[in-house]
Protein backbone atom coordinates (compact mmCIF):
# COMPACT_ATOMS: atom_id res chain seq x y z
CA MET A 1 -23.53 83.93 -37.03
CA LEU A 2 -20.13 83.78 -38.66
CA LEU A 3 -18.22 80.55 -38.25
CA ILE A 4 -15.30 82.38 -36.66
CA ASP A 5 -17.68 83.76 -34.03
CA LYS A 6 -19.37 80.40 -33.58
CA TYR A 7 -16.09 78.62 -32.92
CA ALA A 8 -15.12 81.33 -30.43
CA TYR A 9 -18.11 80.33 -28.31
CA PHE A 10 -18.10 76.59 -29.00
CA ASN A 11 -14.61 75.11 -28.74
CA ARG A 12 -12.77 72.90 -26.29
CA LEU A 13 -10.85 75.83 -24.84
CA ASN A 14 -13.82 78.12 -24.21
CA HIS A 15 -13.63 77.38 -20.47
CA VAL A 16 -10.02 78.54 -20.21
CA HIS A 17 -9.61 81.98 -18.65
CA PRO A 18 -9.23 84.70 -21.31
CA VAL A 19 -6.22 86.14 -19.47
CA GLU A 20 -4.37 82.85 -19.90
CA LYS A 21 -5.08 82.69 -23.63
CA MET A 22 -4.28 86.36 -24.14
CA THR A 23 -1.02 86.07 -22.20
CA LEU A 24 0.19 83.15 -24.29
CA SER A 25 -0.89 84.44 -27.69
CA LEU A 26 0.15 88.07 -27.22
CA PHE A 27 3.55 87.19 -25.73
CA LEU A 28 4.39 84.83 -28.58
CA LEU A 29 3.11 87.40 -31.07
CA LEU A 30 5.19 90.26 -29.68
CA PHE A 31 8.26 88.07 -29.16
CA SER A 32 8.14 86.81 -32.76
CA LEU A 33 7.79 90.35 -34.07
CA MET A 34 10.67 91.63 -31.93
CA VAL A 35 13.27 88.93 -32.61
CA LYS A 36 12.16 88.18 -36.22
CA ASP A 37 13.89 84.83 -36.05
CA ALA A 38 12.87 82.09 -38.48
CA ILE A 39 13.19 79.24 -35.97
CA VAL A 40 11.22 81.06 -33.28
CA SER A 41 8.51 82.02 -35.78
CA LEU A 42 8.27 78.49 -37.15
CA ILE A 43 7.97 76.94 -33.68
CA THR A 44 5.38 79.56 -32.71
CA PHE A 45 3.32 78.79 -35.81
CA ILE A 46 3.45 75.03 -35.17
CA VAL A 47 2.56 75.36 -31.48
CA MET A 48 -0.33 77.78 -32.00
CA SER A 49 -1.68 75.75 -34.92
CA ALA A 50 -1.57 72.63 -32.75
CA PHE A 51 -3.54 74.41 -30.03
CA ILE A 52 -6.10 75.55 -32.59
CA ILE A 53 -6.55 72.21 -34.36
CA TRP A 54 -6.05 69.65 -31.59
CA GLY A 55 -6.59 71.74 -28.48
CA ALA A 56 -9.63 73.78 -29.50
CA LYS A 57 -10.81 71.21 -32.09
CA ILE A 58 -11.19 73.77 -34.88
CA PRO A 59 -11.58 71.91 -38.23
CA LEU A 60 -8.34 71.78 -40.18
CA ARG A 61 -10.06 72.73 -43.45
CA TYR A 62 -11.54 75.88 -41.94
CA TYR A 63 -8.21 76.85 -40.36
CA VAL A 64 -6.45 76.46 -43.70
CA LYS A 65 -9.07 78.68 -45.36
CA LEU A 66 -8.42 81.32 -42.74
CA LEU A 67 -4.69 81.12 -43.42
CA LEU A 68 -5.36 81.68 -47.11
CA LEU A 69 -7.21 84.94 -46.47
CA PRO A 70 -4.08 87.06 -45.88
CA GLY A 71 -2.24 85.11 -48.58
CA PHE A 72 -2.73 87.81 -51.22
CA PHE A 73 -1.16 90.50 -49.05
CA LEU A 74 1.68 88.17 -48.12
CA LEU A 75 2.39 87.32 -51.75
CA SER A 76 2.35 90.98 -52.78
CA GLY A 77 4.82 91.80 -50.03
CA ILE A 78 7.05 88.87 -50.91
CA ALA A 79 7.18 89.83 -54.59
CA THR A 80 8.56 93.27 -53.81
CA ILE A 81 11.29 91.79 -51.62
CA LEU A 82 12.18 88.68 -53.60
CA PHE A 83 12.85 90.42 -56.93
CA SER A 84 15.37 93.23 -57.31
CA PHE A 85 16.12 95.51 -60.26
CA ALA A 86 19.38 97.02 -61.48
CA SER A 87 21.05 98.16 -64.68
CA ILE A 88 22.90 95.58 -66.76
CA GLU A 89 26.29 97.14 -65.97
CA THR A 90 25.82 96.77 -62.21
CA ALA A 91 27.70 93.84 -60.66
CA ILE A 92 25.55 91.96 -58.15
CA PRO A 93 27.19 89.31 -55.89
CA HIS A 94 25.56 86.01 -54.91
CA VAL A 95 22.95 86.07 -57.68
CA LEU A 96 20.82 82.93 -57.80
CA TRP A 97 18.65 83.90 -60.77
CA SER A 98 18.55 86.81 -63.20
CA ALA A 99 16.82 87.90 -66.41
CA GLU A 100 17.49 90.87 -68.67
CA PHE A 101 14.87 93.26 -70.02
CA GLY A 102 16.43 95.91 -72.24
CA SER A 103 18.90 97.90 -70.18
CA TRP A 104 17.62 96.46 -66.91
CA LYS A 105 17.87 93.08 -65.24
CA VAL A 106 15.72 91.35 -62.67
CA PHE A 107 17.53 89.13 -60.19
CA ILE A 108 17.20 87.15 -56.97
CA THR A 109 20.04 87.01 -54.47
CA GLU A 110 20.73 84.83 -51.45
CA ASN A 111 19.88 87.74 -49.17
CA ASN A 112 16.51 88.16 -50.91
CA ILE A 113 15.72 84.51 -50.23
CA LYS A 114 16.71 84.85 -46.58
CA VAL A 115 14.67 88.00 -46.02
CA THR A 116 11.65 86.55 -47.82
CA THR A 117 11.78 83.31 -45.83
CA GLY A 118 12.00 85.23 -42.57
CA LEU A 119 9.04 87.40 -43.58
CA ILE A 120 6.90 84.36 -44.38
CA PHE A 121 7.65 82.71 -41.03
CA VAL A 122 7.04 85.91 -39.04
CA VAL A 123 3.72 86.59 -40.80
CA LEU A 124 2.51 83.01 -40.33
CA SER A 125 3.44 82.98 -36.66
CA SER A 126 1.71 86.33 -36.08
CA ILE A 127 -1.43 85.20 -37.88
CA SER A 128 -1.55 81.92 -35.94
CA CYS A 129 -1.32 83.80 -32.62
CA LEU A 130 -4.17 86.11 -33.57
CA TYR A 131 -6.28 83.24 -34.90
CA PHE A 132 -5.73 81.30 -31.69
CA LEU A 133 -7.11 84.18 -29.64
CA THR A 134 -9.94 84.90 -32.09
CA LEU A 135 -11.07 81.30 -32.54
CA THR A 136 -11.01 80.37 -28.84
CA THR A 137 -12.12 83.56 -27.08
CA PRO A 138 -15.40 85.45 -27.59
CA VAL A 139 -15.21 89.18 -28.15
CA ASN A 140 -17.18 89.81 -24.96
CA ALA A 141 -14.55 87.99 -22.92
CA ILE A 142 -11.72 89.98 -24.53
CA LEU A 143 -13.53 93.26 -23.86
CA GLN A 144 -14.15 92.12 -20.30
CA ILE A 145 -10.41 91.81 -19.76
CA LEU A 146 -9.79 95.18 -21.41
CA ARG A 147 -12.24 96.82 -19.00
CA LYS A 148 -10.39 95.32 -16.06
CA LEU A 149 -7.13 96.67 -17.52
CA LYS A 150 -8.69 100.17 -17.43
CA VAL A 151 -8.71 100.63 -21.19
CA PRO A 152 -10.76 103.76 -22.01
CA GLN A 153 -14.45 102.92 -22.02
CA LEU A 154 -15.05 104.85 -25.23
CA LEU A 155 -12.54 102.70 -27.12
CA ILE A 156 -14.12 99.50 -25.78
CA GLU A 157 -17.63 100.58 -26.75
CA ILE A 158 -16.53 101.61 -30.24
CA THR A 159 -14.87 98.22 -30.67
CA GLU A 160 -17.98 96.40 -29.47
CA ILE A 161 -20.37 98.36 -31.70
CA THR A 162 -18.08 98.05 -34.73
CA TYR A 163 -17.83 94.29 -34.26
CA ARG A 164 -21.59 93.93 -33.94
CA PHE A 165 -22.24 96.00 -37.03
CA ILE A 166 -20.10 93.61 -39.07
CA PHE A 167 -22.98 91.14 -38.76
CA VAL A 168 -25.49 93.86 -39.66
CA PHE A 169 -23.48 94.64 -42.82
CA LEU A 170 -23.28 90.98 -43.82
CA GLU A 171 -26.94 90.24 -43.12
CA THR A 172 -28.13 93.30 -45.03
CA ALA A 173 -25.77 92.69 -47.95
CA LEU A 174 -26.86 89.05 -48.21
CA SER A 175 -30.54 89.98 -48.22
CA ILE A 176 -30.06 92.59 -50.95
CA TYR A 177 -27.90 90.24 -53.02
CA GLN A 178 -30.45 87.42 -52.84
CA ALA A 179 -33.23 89.80 -53.88
CA GLN A 180 -31.19 91.03 -56.84
CA SER A 181 -30.17 87.53 -57.88
CA SER A 182 -33.77 86.33 -57.85
CA ARG A 183 -34.51 89.09 -60.37
CA LEU A 184 -31.54 88.15 -62.60
CA GLY A 185 -29.62 91.23 -61.55
CA TYR A 186 -26.23 89.58 -62.20
CA ILE A 187 -26.95 87.77 -65.46
CA THR A 188 -24.76 90.06 -67.59
CA ALA A 189 -21.68 92.19 -66.95
CA THR A 190 -23.66 95.42 -67.37
CA LYS A 191 -26.41 94.30 -65.00
CA TRP A 192 -23.77 93.01 -62.57
CA LEU A 193 -22.09 96.41 -62.41
CA HIS A 194 -25.44 98.18 -62.04
CA SER A 195 -26.58 95.77 -59.30
CA ILE A 196 -23.32 96.11 -57.37
CA GLY A 197 -23.72 99.88 -57.36
CA LEU A 198 -27.28 99.61 -56.09
CA LEU A 199 -26.21 97.06 -53.46
CA ILE A 200 -23.48 99.32 -52.08
CA SER A 201 -25.68 102.40 -51.95
CA SER A 202 -28.61 100.49 -50.42
CA LEU A 203 -26.28 98.80 -47.96
CA PHE A 204 -24.97 102.03 -46.50
CA ILE A 205 -28.44 103.56 -46.32
CA SER A 206 -29.81 100.50 -44.52
CA VAL A 207 -26.91 100.30 -42.08
CA PHE A 208 -27.11 103.99 -41.21
CA GLN A 209 -30.84 103.56 -40.65
CA ARG A 210 -30.17 100.59 -38.34
CA ALA A 211 -27.56 102.63 -36.47
CA ARG A 212 -30.04 105.48 -35.99
CA GLU A 213 -32.70 103.07 -34.73
CA LEU A 214 -30.19 101.53 -32.33
CA THR A 215 -29.28 104.96 -30.96
CA ILE A 216 -32.95 105.84 -30.41
CA ALA A 217 -33.55 102.48 -28.70
CA MET A 218 -30.58 102.94 -26.36
CA GLU A 219 -31.56 106.50 -25.46
CA SER A 220 -35.16 105.43 -24.74
CA ARG A 221 -33.78 102.88 -22.26
CA GLY A 222 -31.78 105.46 -20.33
CA TYR A 223 -28.43 105.25 -22.08
CA THR A 224 -25.95 107.53 -20.26
CA GLU A 225 -22.80 107.01 -22.36
CA ASP A 226 -21.92 103.81 -20.49
CA ILE A 227 -22.96 100.33 -21.62
CA MET A 228 -23.43 97.93 -18.71
CA TYR A 229 -22.21 94.35 -19.06
CA ILE A 230 -22.60 91.11 -17.15
CA ASP A 231 -19.14 89.58 -16.83
CA ASP A 232 -18.68 85.87 -17.37
CA ASN A 233 -17.23 83.81 -14.55
CA TYR A 234 -13.87 82.23 -15.40
CA GLN A 235 -11.48 80.37 -13.13
CA TYR A 236 -7.70 80.49 -13.31
CA SER A 237 -5.86 77.19 -13.65
CA ALA A 238 -2.46 76.54 -12.09
CA VAL A 239 -1.79 73.84 -14.67
CA ASN A 240 -2.47 76.22 -17.52
CA TRP A 241 -0.13 78.83 -16.06
CA LEU A 242 2.61 76.22 -15.69
CA ILE A 243 2.14 75.27 -19.34
CA ILE A 244 2.25 78.92 -20.42
CA ILE A 245 5.40 79.64 -18.40
CA ALA A 246 7.06 76.49 -19.72
CA MET A 247 6.24 77.41 -23.32
CA ILE A 248 7.48 80.98 -22.91
CA ALA A 249 10.69 79.77 -21.27
CA GLY A 250 11.13 77.18 -24.02
CA ILE A 251 10.71 79.75 -26.81
CA ILE A 252 13.22 82.09 -25.17
CA THR A 253 15.68 79.23 -24.69
CA VAL A 254 15.37 78.19 -28.33
CA TYR A 255 16.08 81.75 -29.42
CA LEU A 256 19.13 82.06 -27.16
CA LEU A 257 20.56 78.74 -28.34
CA PHE A 258 19.63 78.62 -32.00
CA GLY A 259 18.62 82.17 -32.90
CA GLY A 260 20.05 83.46 -36.15
CA ILE A 261 20.88 80.04 -37.62
CA LEU A 262 18.31 80.37 -40.44
């Protein structure tokens, strides 16, 4: 079991109704993406991180590791926005830093800094909202709510099967890797490349075989294009809804009073 899946089942907020957690996280996510305000995004990130670390009791070290995962994509996006290029003859106002390379110059302006800062805050707030929902709510509970919202059954089943096969991929890949490592399959660069190729090909063959076996097993048990589920029993909490409404109202108020300052 992946840690992210383990924490989804075993955390201090696992008893909270999924609708309450989805309402809070998705509203803050969509609101941050719509307004793209640095203050709103920063407050959203702090609040959702506090719920994850102190509310759900997710270890800080693990949460930081999760935040580092999309770091590469964030840095690549920031680099394209932070640095601008122009010919030497072009006059650029409000330049904070510049360097010349032949007939071109690389520079950073105040607007670049502002846009980059806003992008960082928006991305962090969005990631924290998604991590809050992922780390505190099992996939089965999320799909349960989607079924009640009349989301197409085919989409729900594809999502469920895809999620489950992530574990099949990881388990199969780990088994093959351990077998190759025990035979010194990664001792040199040439063997490493050869072993990686064999791992990838064997992985897809094994997973497709598992998928075929799963299909045969489901059909032998009377599968009729509908997977039956036993829904978990959750209770709504008036206190939780008051907290959610207060937080939403507070975020909107902050945006109306201080939006656009940063």
